[in-house]
PDB file of N, CA and C in Angstrom:
ATOM      1  N   MET A   1       0.826  -1.191   0.000  1.00  0.00           N
ATOM      2  CA  MET A   1       0.000   0.000   0.000  1.00  0.00           C
ATOM      3  C   MET A   1       0.876   1.262   0.000  1.00  0.00           C
ATOM      4  N   VAL A   2       1.931   1.234   0.788  1.00  0.00           N
ATOM      5  CA  VAL A   2       2.819   2.388   0.843  1.00  0.00           C
ATOM      6  C   VAL A   2       3.478   2.605  -0.518  1.00  0.00           C
ATOM      7  N   SER A   3       3.814   1.507  -1.186  1.00  0.00           N
ATOM      8  CA  SER A   3       4.424   1.604  -2.517  1.00  0.00           C
ATOM      9  C   SER A   3       3.466   2.259  -3.510  1.00  0.00           C
ATOM     10  N   LEU A   4       2.200   1.885  -3.458  1.00  0.00           N
ATOM     11  CA  LEU A   4       1.192   2.459  -4.352  1.00  0.00           C
ATOM     12  C   LEU A   4       1.020   3.953  -4.111  1.00  0.00           C
ATOM     13  N   ILE A   5       0.961   4.333  -2.848  1.00  0.00           N
ATOM     14  CA  ILE A   5       0.816   5.744  -2.496  1.00  0.00           C
ATOM     15  C   ILE A   5       2.070   6.527  -2.894  1.00  0.00           C
ATOM     16  N   SER A   6       3.233   5.887  -2.759  1.00  0.00           N
ATOM     17  CA  SER A   6       4.485   6.541  -3.146  1.00  0.00           C
ATOM     18  C   SER A   6       4.547   6.800  -4.642  1.00  0.00           C
ATOM     19  N   HIS A   7       4.131   5.823  -5.436  1.00  0.00           N
ATOM     20  CA  HIS A   7       4.142   6.001  -6.892  1.00  0.00           C
ATOM     21  C   HIS A   7       3.137   7.058  -7.345  1.00  0.00           C
ATOM     22  N   ALA A   8       2.086   7.253  -6.579  1.00  0.00           N
ATOM     23  CA  ALA A   8       1.084   8.262  -6.922  1.00  0.00           C
ATOM     24  C   ALA A   8       1.554   9.676  -6.584  1.00  0.00           C
ATOM     25  N   GLY A   9       2.617   9.791  -5.794  1.00  0.00           N
ATOM     26  CA  GLY A   9       3.149  11.105  -5.458  1.00  0.00           C
ATOM     27  C   GLY A   9       2.604  11.696  -4.177  1.00  0.00           C
ATOM     28  N   VAL A  10       1.805  10.926  -3.456  1.00  0.00           N
ATOM     29  CA  VAL A  10       1.210  11.437  -2.217  1.00  0.00           C
ATOM     30  C   VAL A  10       2.282  11.626  -1.153  1.00  0.00           C
ATOM     31  N   LEU A  11       3.195  10.686  -1.038  1.00  0.00           N
ATOM     32  CA  LEU A  11       4.255  10.807  -0.024  1.00  0.00           C
ATOM     33  C   LEU A  11       5.139  12.019  -0.280  1.00  0.00           C
ATOM     34  N   ASP A  12       5.428  12.285  -1.544  1.00  0.00           N
ATOM     35  CA  ASP A  12       6.239  13.465  -1.868  1.00  0.00           C
ATOM     36  C   ASP A  12       5.508  14.757  -1.518  1.00  0.00           C
ATOM     37  N   ALA A  13       4.209  14.791  -1.758  1.00  0.00           N
ATOM     38  CA  ALA A  13       3.425  15.983  -1.428  1.00  0.00           C
ATOM     39  C   ALA A  13       3.386  16.213   0.084  1.00  0.00           C
ATOM     40  N   ILE A  14       3.210  15.120   0.844  1.00  0.00           N
ATOM     41  CA  ILE A  14       3.201  15.241   2.304  1.00  0.00           C
ATOM     42  C   ILE A  14       4.561  15.706   2.799  1.00  0.00           C
ATOM     43  N   LEU A  15       5.621  15.129   2.247  1.00  0.00           N
ATOM     44  CA  LEU A  15       6.974  15.498   2.667  1.00  0.00           C
ATOM     45  C   LEU A  15       7.275  16.961   2.351  1.00  0.00           C
ATOM     46  N   LYS A  16       6.910  17.444   1.174  1.00  0.00           N
ATOM     47  CA  LYS A  16       7.150  18.848   0.816  1.00  0.00           C
ATOM     48  C   LYS A  16       6.385  19.794   1.736  1.00  0.00           C
ATOM     49  N   PHE A  17       5.148  19.432   2.078  1.00  0.00           N
ATOM     50  CA  PHE A  17       4.360  20.260   2.988  1.00  0.00           C
ATOM     51  C   PHE A  17       5.020  20.318   4.358  1.00  0.00           C
ATOM     52  N   MET A  18       5.451  19.164   4.866  1.00  0.00           N
ATOM     53  CA  MET A  18       6.078  19.132   6.187  1.00  0.00           C
ATOM     54  C   MET A  18       7.415  19.853   6.186  1.00  0.00           C
ATOM     55  N   GLN A  19       8.184  19.746   5.110  1.00  0.00           N
ATOM     56  CA  GLN A  19       9.460  20.452   5.024  1.00  0.00           C
ATOM     57  C   GLN A  19       9.274  21.962   4.987  1.00  0.00           C
ATOM     58  N   SER A  20       8.175  22.416   4.405  1.00  0.00           N
ATOM     59  CA  SER A  20       7.922  23.854   4.373  1.00  0.00           C
ATOM     60  C   SER A  20       7.584  24.396   5.760  1.00  0.00           C
ATOM     61  N   LYS A  21       7.042  23.560   6.633  1.00  0.00           N
ATOM     62  CA  LYS A  21       6.678  23.985   7.989  1.00  0.00           C
ATOM     63  C   LYS A  21       7.812  23.799   8.993  1.00  0.00           C
ATOM     64  N   ALA A  22       8.710  22.849   8.731  1.00  0.00           N
ATOM     65  CA  ALA A  22       9.788  22.545   9.671  1.00  0.00           C
ATOM     66  C   ALA A  22      10.984  23.457   9.409  1.00  0.00           C
ATOM     67  N   LYS A  23      11.198  24.423  10.275  1.00  0.00           N
ATOM     68  CA  LYS A  23      12.294  25.373  10.130  1.00  0.00           C
ATOM     69  C   LYS A  23      13.456  25.068  11.061  1.00  0.00           C
ATOM     70  N   SER A  24      13.237  24.278  12.103  1.00  0.00           N
ATOM     71  CA  SER A  24      14.293  23.920  13.044  1.00  0.00           C
ATOM     72  C   SER A  24      14.155  22.445  13.393  1.00  0.00           C
ATOM     73  N   ASP A  25      15.109  21.933  14.161  1.00  0.00           N
ATOM     74  CA  ASP A  25      15.023  20.526  14.529  1.00  0.00           C
ATOM     75  C   ASP A  25      13.830  20.255  15.442  1.00  0.00           C
ATOM     76  N   LEU A  26      13.513  21.198  16.316  1.00  0.00           N
ATOM     77  CA  LEU A  26      12.361  21.026  17.196  1.00  0.00           C
ATOM     78  C   LEU A  26      11.052  21.015  16.410  1.00  0.00           C
ATOM     79  N   SER A  27      10.893  21.935  15.474  1.00  0.00           N
ATOM     80  CA  SER A  27       9.651  21.953  14.692  1.00  0.00           C
ATOM     81  C   SER A  27       9.556  20.733  13.790  1.00  0.00           C
ATOM     82  N   ALA A  28      10.684  20.191  13.341  1.00  0.00           N
ATOM     83  CA  ALA A  28      10.660  18.961  12.547  1.00  0.00           C
ATOM     84  C   ALA A  28      10.204  17.780  13.401  1.00  0.00           C
ATOM     85  N   GLU A  29      10.667  17.716  14.636  1.00  0.00           N
ATOM     86  CA  GLU A  29      10.233  16.647  15.534  1.00  0.00           C
ATOM     87  C   GLU A  29       8.757  16.778  15.886  1.00  0.00           C
ATOM     88  N   VAL A  30       8.295  17.993  16.094  1.00  0.00           N
ATOM     89  CA  VAL A  30       6.870  18.204  16.381  1.00  0.00           C
ATOM     90  C   VAL A  30       6.020  17.799  15.180  1.00  0.00           C
ATOM     91  N   ALA A  31       6.454  18.156  13.980  1.00  0.00           N
ATOM     92  CA  ALA A  31       5.716  17.773  12.766  1.00  0.00           C
ATOM     93  C   ALA A  31       5.696  16.261  12.600  1.00  0.00           C
ATOM     94  N   ALA A  32       6.824  15.613  12.872  1.00  0.00           N
ATOM     95  CA  ALA A  32       6.887  14.152  12.770  1.00  0.00           C
ATOM     96  C   ALA A  32       5.968  13.489  13.787  1.00  0.00           C
ATOM     97  N   GLY A  33       5.983  13.995  15.018  1.00  0.00           N
ATOM     98  CA  GLY A  33       5.109  13.450  16.054  1.00  0.00           C
ATOM     99  C   GLY A  33       3.640  13.658  15.744  1.00  0.00           C
ATOM    100  N   ALA A  34       3.308  14.824  15.225  1.00  0.00           N
ATOM    101  CA  ALA A  34       1.914  15.089  14.863  1.00  0.00           C
ATOM    102  C   ALA A  34       1.455  14.162  13.738  1.00  0.00           C
ATOM    103  N   MET A  35       2.329  13.953  12.777  1.00  0.00           N
ATOM    104  CA  MET A  35       1.950  13.095  11.651  1.00  0.00           C
ATOM    105  C   MET A  35       1.695  11.669  12.102  1.00  0.00           C
ATOM    106  N   VAL A  36       2.604  11.083  12.872  1.00  0.00           N
ATOM    107  CA  VAL A  36       2.414   9.698  13.285  1.00  0.00           C
ATOM    108  C   VAL A  36       1.227   9.572  14.244  1.00  0.00           C
ATOM    109  N   SER A  37       0.960  10.588  15.043  1.00  0.00           N
ATOM    110  CA  SER A  37      -0.202  10.552  15.936  1.00  0.00           C
ATOM    111  C   SER A  37      -1.506  10.595  15.157  1.00  0.00           C
ATOM    112  N   ILE A  38      -1.589  11.482  14.187  1.00  0.00           N
ATOM    113  CA  ILE A  38      -2.817  11.606  13.382  1.00  0.00           C
ATOM    114  C   ILE A  38      -3.059  10.346  12.561  1.00  0.00           C
ATOM    115  N   VAL A  39      -2.018   9.821  11.948  1.00  0.00           N
ATOM    116  CA  VAL A  39      -2.172   8.600  11.150  1.00  0.00           C
ATOM    117  C   VAL A  39      -2.535   7.423  12.054  1.00  0.00           C
ATOM    118  N   GLY A  40      -1.933   7.344  13.239  1.00  0.00           N
ATOM    119  CA  GLY A  40      -2.261   6.274  14.177  1.00  0.00           C
ATOM    120  C   GLY A  40      -3.708   6.306  14.614  1.00  0.00           C
ATOM    121  N   ILE A  41      -4.239   7.487  14.866  1.00  0.00           N
ATOM    122  CA  ILE A  41      -5.653   7.609  15.242  1.00  0.00           C
ATOM    123  C   ILE A  41      -6.548   7.292  14.055  1.00  0.00           C
ATOM    124  N   ALA A  42      -6.147   7.741  12.866  1.00  0.00           N
ATOM    125  CA  ALA A  42      -6.981   7.535  11.683  1.00  0.00           C
ATOM    126  C   ALA A  42      -7.114   6.064  11.311  1.00  0.00           C
ATOM    127  N   ILE A  43      -6.033   5.303  11.433  1.00  0.00           N
ATOM    128  CA  ILE A  43      -6.111   3.904  11.029  1.00  0.00           C
ATOM    129  C   ILE A  43      -6.189   2.951  12.218  1.00  0.00           C
ATOM    130  N   SER A  44      -6.223   3.469  13.429  1.00  0.00           N
ATOM    131  CA  SER A  44      -6.385   2.698  14.671  1.00  0.00           C
ATOM    132  C   SER A  44      -5.330   1.621  14.851  1.00  0.00           C
ATOM    133  N   SER A  45      -4.130   1.907  14.436  1.00  0.00           N
ATOM    134  CA  SER A  45      -3.049   0.952  14.627  1.00  0.00           C
ATOM    135  C   SER A  45      -1.726   1.716  14.690  1.00  0.00           C
ATOM    136  N   GLY A  46      -1.088   1.659  15.845  1.00  0.00           N
ATOM    137  CA  GLY A  46       0.162   2.369  16.013  1.00  0.00           C
ATOM    138  C   GLY A  46       1.287   1.786  15.174  1.00  0.00           C
ATOM    139  N   THR A  47       1.336   0.459  15.081  1.00  0.00           N
ATOM    140  CA  THR A  47       2.400  -0.185  14.318  1.00  0.00           C
ATOM    141  C   THR A  47       2.282   0.120  12.834  1.00  0.00           C
ATOM    142  N   SER A  48       1.070   0.100  12.312  1.00  0.00           N
ATOM    143  CA  SER A  48       0.869   0.431  10.900  1.00  0.00           C
ATOM    144  C   SER A  48       1.191   1.895  10.632  1.00  0.00           C
ATOM    145  N   ALA A  49       0.875   2.756  11.575  1.00  0.00           N
ATOM    146  CA  ALA A  49       1.202   4.179  11.417  1.00  0.00           C
ATOM    147  C   ALA A  49       2.709   4.386  11.374  1.00  0.00           C
ATOM    148  N   ILE A  50       3.440   3.655  12.205  1.00  0.00           N
ATOM    149  CA  ILE A  50       4.899   3.755  12.209  1.00  0.00           C
ATOM    150  C   ILE A  50       5.461   3.285  10.874  1.00  0.00           C
ATOM    151  N   THR A  51       4.928   2.186  10.360  1.00  0.00           N
ATOM    152  CA  THR A  51       5.395   1.653   9.077  1.00  0.00           C
ATOM    153  C   THR A  51       5.096   2.609   7.937  1.00  0.00           C
ATOM    154  N   PHE A  52       3.928   3.225   7.960  1.00  0.00           N
ATOM    155  CA  PHE A  52       3.541   4.156   6.906  1.00  0.00           C
ATOM    156  C   PHE A  52       4.343   5.448   6.976  1.00  0.00           C
ATOM    157  N   CYS A  53       4.523   5.986   8.173  1.00  0.00           N
ATOM    158  CA  CYS A  53       5.161   7.293   8.336  1.00  0.00           C
ATOM    159  C   CYS A  53       6.681   7.232   8.364  1.00  0.00           C
ATOM    160  N   GLY A  54       7.249   6.068   8.591  1.00  0.00           N
ATOM    161  CA  GLY A  54       8.695   5.939   8.744  1.00  0.00           C
ATOM    162  C   GLY A  54       9.523   6.554   7.632  1.00  0.00           C
ATOM    163  N   PRO A  55       9.269   6.194   6.360  1.00  0.00           N
ATOM    164  CA  PRO A  55      10.084   6.778   5.287  1.00  0.00           C
ATOM    165  C   PRO A  55       9.938   8.292   5.151  1.00  0.00           C
ATOM    166  N   ILE A  56       8.744   8.788   5.377  1.00  0.00           N
ATOM    167  CA  ILE A  56       8.508  10.227   5.270  1.00  0.00           C
ATOM    168  C   ILE A  56       9.263  10.954   6.380  1.00  0.00           C
ATOM    169  N   ILE A  57       9.143  10.454   7.588  1.00  0.00           N
ATOM    170  CA  ILE A  57       9.760  11.116   8.730  1.00  0.00           C
ATOM    171  C   ILE A  57      11.287  11.011   8.665  1.00  0.00           C
ATOM    172  N   ARG A  58      11.791   9.905   8.161  1.00  0.00           N
ATOM    173  CA  ARG A  58      13.253   9.790   8.005  1.00  0.00           C
ATOM    174  C   ARG A  58      13.761  10.844   7.039  1.00  0.00           C
ATOM    175  N   SER A  59      13.048  11.035   5.941  1.00  0.00           N
ATOM    176  CA  SER A  59      13.451  12.058   4.972  1.00  0.00           C
ATOM    177  C   SER A  59      13.306  13.461   5.536  1.00  0.00           C
ATOM    178  N   LEU A  60      12.326  13.655   6.408  1.00  0.00           N
ATOM    179  CA  LEU A  60      12.112  14.960   7.024  1.00  0.00           C
ATOM    180  C   LEU A  60      13.215  15.296   8.027  1.00  0.00           C
ATOM    181  N   LEU A  61      13.634  14.313   8.813  1.00  0.00           N
ATOM    182  CA  LEU A  61      14.583  14.572   9.891  1.00  0.00           C
ATOM    183  C   LEU A  61      16.042  14.507   9.445  1.00  0.00           C
ATOM    184  N   ARG A  62      16.319  13.925   8.301  1.00  0.00           N
ATOM    185  CA  ARG A  62      17.703  13.779   7.834  1.00  0.00           C
ATOM    186  C   ARG A  62      18.438  15.119   7.700  1.00  0.00           C
ATOM    187  N   PRO A  63      17.847  16.175   7.097  1.00  0.00           N
ATOM    188  CA  PRO A  63      18.583  17.443   6.968  1.00  0.00           C
ATOM    189  C   PRO A  63      18.938  18.094   8.307  1.00  0.00           C
ATOM    190  N   PHE A  64      18.183  17.775   9.359  1.00  0.00           N
ATOM    191  CA  PHE A  64      18.450  18.368  10.672  1.00  0.00           C
ATOM    192  C   PHE A  64      19.434  17.533  11.484  1.00  0.00           C
ATOM    193  N   LYS A  65      19.922  16.438  10.898  1.00  0.00           N
ATOM    194  CA  LYS A  65      20.902  15.546  11.526  1.00  0.00           C
ATOM    195  C   LYS A  65      20.400  14.999  12.862  1.00  0.00           C
ATOM    196  N   ILE A  66      19.126  14.661  12.904  1.00  0.00           N
ATOM    197  CA  ILE A  66      18.545  14.027  14.079  1.00  0.00           C
ATOM    198  C   ILE A  66      18.826  12.532  13.979  1.00  0.00           C
ATOM    199  N   ASP A  67      19.338  11.961  15.046  1.00  0.00           N
ATOM    200  CA  ASP A  67      19.747  10.566  15.054  1.00  0.00           C
ATOM    201  C   ASP A  67      18.571   9.627  14.761  1.00  0.00           C
ATOM    202  N   ARG A  68      18.860   8.531  14.080  1.00  0.00           N
ATOM    203  CA  ARG A  68      17.816   7.572  13.718  1.00  0.00           C
ATOM    204  C   ARG A  68      17.177   6.945  14.947  1.00  0.00           C
ATOM    205  N   ALA A  69      17.962   6.729  16.007  1.00  0.00           N
ATOM    206  CA  ALA A  69      17.415   6.144  17.230  1.00  0.00           C
ATOM    207  C   ALA A  69      16.427   7.103  17.890  1.00  0.00           C
ATOM    208  N   ARG A  70      16.740   8.381  17.867  1.00  0.00           N
ATOM    209  CA  ARG A  70      15.814   9.380  18.431  1.00  0.00           C
ATOM    210  C   ARG A  70      14.516   9.417  17.633  1.00  0.00           C
ATOM    211  N   ALA A  71      14.630   9.374  16.308  1.00  0.00           N
ATOM    212  CA  ALA A  71      13.438   9.363  15.463  1.00  0.00           C
ATOM    213  C   ALA A  71      12.613   8.102  15.697  1.00  0.00           C
ATOM    214  N   ALA A  72      13.287   6.962  15.873  1.00  0.00           N
ATOM    215  CA  ALA A  72      12.577   5.711  16.126  1.00  0.00           C
ATOM    216  C   ALA A  72      11.854   5.757  17.467  1.00  0.00           C
ATOM    217  N   ASN A  73      12.489   6.314  18.486  1.00  0.00           N
ATOM    218  CA  ASN A  73      11.835   6.452  19.790  1.00  0.00           C
ATOM    219  C   ASN A  73      10.634   7.381  19.711  1.00  0.00           C
ATOM    220  N   LEU A  74      10.775   8.448  18.961  1.00  0.00           N
ATOM    221  CA  LEU A  74       9.672   9.390  18.771  1.00  0.00           C
ATOM    222  C   LEU A  74       8.494   8.708  18.085  1.00  0.00           C
ATOM    223  N   LEU A  75       8.782   7.978  17.005  1.00  0.00           N
ATOM    224  CA  LEU A  75       7.730   7.277  16.277  1.00  0.00           C
ATOM    225  C   LEU A  75       7.056   6.223  17.142  1.00  0.00           C
ATOM    226  N   ASP A  76       7.844   5.438  17.833  1.00  0.00           N
ATOM    227  CA  ASP A  76       7.290   4.356  18.634  1.00  0.00           C
ATOM    228  C   ASP A  76       6.469   4.887  19.802  1.00  0.00           C
ATOM    229  N   GLY A  77       7.009   5.855  20.498  1.00  0.00           N
ATOM    230  CA  GLY A  77       6.290   6.399  21.650  1.00  0.00           C
ATOM    231  C   GLY A  77       4.974   7.046  21.283  1.00  0.00           C
ATOM    232  N   LEU A  78       5.006   7.890  20.269  1.00  0.00           N
ATOM    233  CA  LEU A  78       3.774   8.587  19.890  1.00  0.00           C
ATOM    234  C   LEU A  78       2.831   7.705  19.075  1.00  0.00           C
ATOM    235  N   GLY A  79       3.391   6.877  18.210  1.00  0.00           N
ATOM    236  CA  GLY A  79       2.546   6.016  17.388  1.00  0.00           C
ATOM    237  C   GLY A  79       1.721   5.055  18.218  1.00  0.00           C
ATOM    238  N   CYS A  80       2.376   4.397  19.153  1.00  0.00           N
ATOM    239  CA  CYS A  80       1.664   3.419  19.983  1.00  0.00           C
ATOM    240  C   CYS A  80       0.977   4.072  21.184  1.00  0.00           C
ATOM    241  N   GLY A  81       1.628   5.064  21.781  1.00  0.00           N
ATOM    242  CA  GLY A  81       1.052   5.698  22.965  1.00  0.00           C
ATOM    243  C   GLY A  81      -0.229   6.462  22.693  1.00  0.00           C
ATOM    244  N   VAL A  82      -0.243   7.244  21.646  1.00  0.00           N
ATOM    245  CA  VAL A  82      -1.448   8.018  21.312  1.00  0.00           C
ATOM    246  C   VAL A  82      -2.577   7.090  20.897  1.00  0.00           C
ATOM    247  N   ASP A  83      -2.236   6.020  20.180  1.00  0.00           N
ATOM    248  CA  ASP A  83      -3.248   5.055  19.756  1.00  0.00           C
ATOM    249  C   ASP A  83      -3.915   4.402  20.965  1.00  0.00           C
ATOM    250  N   ILE A  84      -3.125   3.965  21.939  1.00  0.00           N
ATOM    251  CA  ILE A  84      -3.678   3.340  23.145  1.00  0.00           C
ATOM    252  C   ILE A  84      -4.490   4.352  23.939  1.00  0.00           C
ATOM    253  N   TRP A  85      -3.962   5.557  24.107  1.00  0.00           N
ATOM    254  CA  TRP A  85      -4.688   6.585  24.853  1.00  0.00           C
ATOM    255  C   TRP A  85      -6.018   6.909  24.198  1.00  0.00           C
ATOM    256  N   PHE A  86      -6.014   7.028  22.864  1.00  0.00           N
ATOM    257  CA  PHE A  86      -7.238   7.372  22.147  1.00  0.00           C
ATOM    258  C   PHE A  86      -8.278   6.274  22.291  1.00  0.00           C
ATOM    259  N   ARG A  87      -7.862   5.022  22.185  1.00  0.00           N
ATOM    260  CA  ARG A  87      -8.825   3.923  22.318  1.00  0.00           C
ATOM    261  C   ARG A  87      -9.387   3.855  23.725  1.00  0.00           C
ATOM    262  N   GLN A  88      -8.552   4.070  24.733  1.00  0.00           N
ATOM    263  CA  GLN A  88      -9.040   4.004  26.105  1.00  0.00           C
ATOM    264  C   GLN A  88     -10.002   5.138  26.423  1.00  0.00           C
ATOM    265  N   THR A  89      -9.713   6.332  26.002  1.00  0.00           N
ATOM    266  CA  THR A  89     -10.611   7.444  26.301  1.00  0.00           C
ATOM    267  C   THR A  89     -11.900   7.327  25.508  1.00  0.00           C
ATOM    268  N   ARG A  90     -11.838   6.764  24.302  1.00  0.00           N
ATOM    269  CA  ARG A  90     -13.057   6.572  23.526  1.00  0.00           C
ATOM    270  C   ARG A  90     -13.959   5.561  24.223  1.00  0.00           C
ATOM    271  N   VAL A  91     -13.379   4.492  24.789  1.00  0.00           N
ATOM    272  CA  VAL A  91     -14.159   3.487  25.510  1.00  0.00           C
ATOM    273  C   VAL A  91     -14.732   4.084  26.778  1.00  0.00           C
ATOM    274  N   LEU A  92     -13.935   4.881  27.482  1.00  0.00           N
ATOM    275  CA  LEU A  92     -14.418   5.489  28.714  1.00  0.00           C
ATOM    276  C   LEU A  92     -15.558   6.462  28.452  1.00  0.00           C
ATOM    277  N   LYS A  93     -15.478   7.240  27.386  1.00  0.00           N
ATOM    278  CA  LYS A  93     -16.527   8.208  27.089  1.00  0.00           C
ATOM    279  C   LYS A  93     -17.821   7.538  26.645  1.00  0.00           C
ATOM    280  N   SER A  94     -17.731   6.326  26.068  1.00  0.00           N
ATOM    281  CA  SER A  94     -18.940   5.657  25.600  1.00  0.00           C
ATOM    282  C   SER A  94     -19.736   5.045  26.736  1.00  0.00           C
ATOM    283  N   GLY A  95     -19.137   4.951  27.918  1.00  0.00           N
ATOM    284  CA  GLY A  95     -19.860   4.430  29.070  1.00  0.00           C
ATOM    285  C   GLY A  95     -19.827   2.919  29.171  1.00  0.00           C
ATOM    286  N   CYS A  96     -19.044   2.254  28.372  1.00  0.00           N
ATOM    287  CA  CYS A  96     -18.947   0.796  28.428  1.00  0.00           C
ATOM    288  C   CYS A  96     -18.268   0.377  29.723  1.00  0.00           C
ATOM    289  N   LYS A  97     -18.677  -0.763  30.232  1.00  0.00           N
ATOM    290  CA  LYS A  97     -18.096  -1.292  31.458  1.00  0.00           C
ATOM    291  C   LYS A  97     -17.028  -2.329  31.119  1.00  0.00           C
ATOM    292  N   LEU A  98     -16.090  -1.966  30.257  1.00  0.00           N
ATOM    293  CA  LEU A  98     -15.018  -2.872  29.875  1.00  0.00           C
ATOM    294  C   LEU A  98     -13.851  -2.699  30.824  1.00  0.00           C
ATOM    295  N   GLN A  99     -13.173  -3.815  31.078  1.00  0.00           N
ATOM    296  CA  GLN A  99     -11.971  -3.739  31.894  1.00  0.00           C
ATOM    297  C   GLN A  99     -10.814  -3.374  30.979  1.00  0.00           C
ATOM    298  N   LEU A 100     -10.180  -2.240  31.224  1.00  0.00           N
ATOM    299  CA  LEU A 100      -9.109  -1.747  30.377  1.00  0.00           C
ATOM    300  C   LEU A 100      -7.756  -2.193  30.924  1.00  0.00           C
ATOM    301  N   PRO A 101      -6.833  -2.511  30.030  1.00  0.00           N
ATOM    302  CA  PRO A 101      -5.498  -2.867  30.507  1.00  0.00           C
ATOM    303  C   PRO A 101      -4.790  -1.633  31.061  1.00  0.00           C
ATOM    304  N   VAL A 102      -3.978  -1.846  32.060  1.00  0.00           N
ATOM    305  CA  VAL A 102      -3.216  -0.765  32.646  1.00  0.00           C
ATOM    306  C   VAL A 102      -1.878  -0.686  31.928  1.00  0.00           C
ATOM    307  N   VAL A 103      -1.534   0.494  31.448  1.00  0.00           N
ATOM    308  CA  VAL A 103      -0.275   0.699  30.758  1.00  0.00           C
ATOM    309  C   VAL A 103       0.724   1.266  31.749  1.00  0.00           C
ATOM    310  N   LEU A 104       1.788   0.522  31.979  1.00  0.00           N
ATOM    311  CA  LEU A 104       2.818   0.963  32.912  1.00  0.00           C
ATOM    312  C   LEU A 104       3.979   1.566  32.150  1.00  0.00           C
ATOM    313  N   CYS A 105       4.507   2.658  32.646  1.00  0.00           N
ATOM    314  CA  CYS A 105       5.652   3.309  31.997  1.00  0.00           C
ATOM    315  C   CYS A 105       6.944   2.711  32.482  1.00  0.00           C
TER     316      CYS A 105
END
């Protein structure tokens, strides 16, 4: 799926938009975190969001010389963390009496 979207030029358009907004290393990290969070909520899967956003975010962070391990931690933390938080709060707001797993840091 990512290959199909890449050939259509969607990934390049997203990357150009994000590069126009990212003026410093901090704003690039914020843009990367926002992207993986939004995609994770949209497709309800943190791992799939990381896989989809990985190439885009790597290309975004490369000019700022941000380490790959830092980018991976950012993607993993926000991709999975926001997804879990969103699902738990959605269940809590619906009034369901489901037992939710406790996430320990």
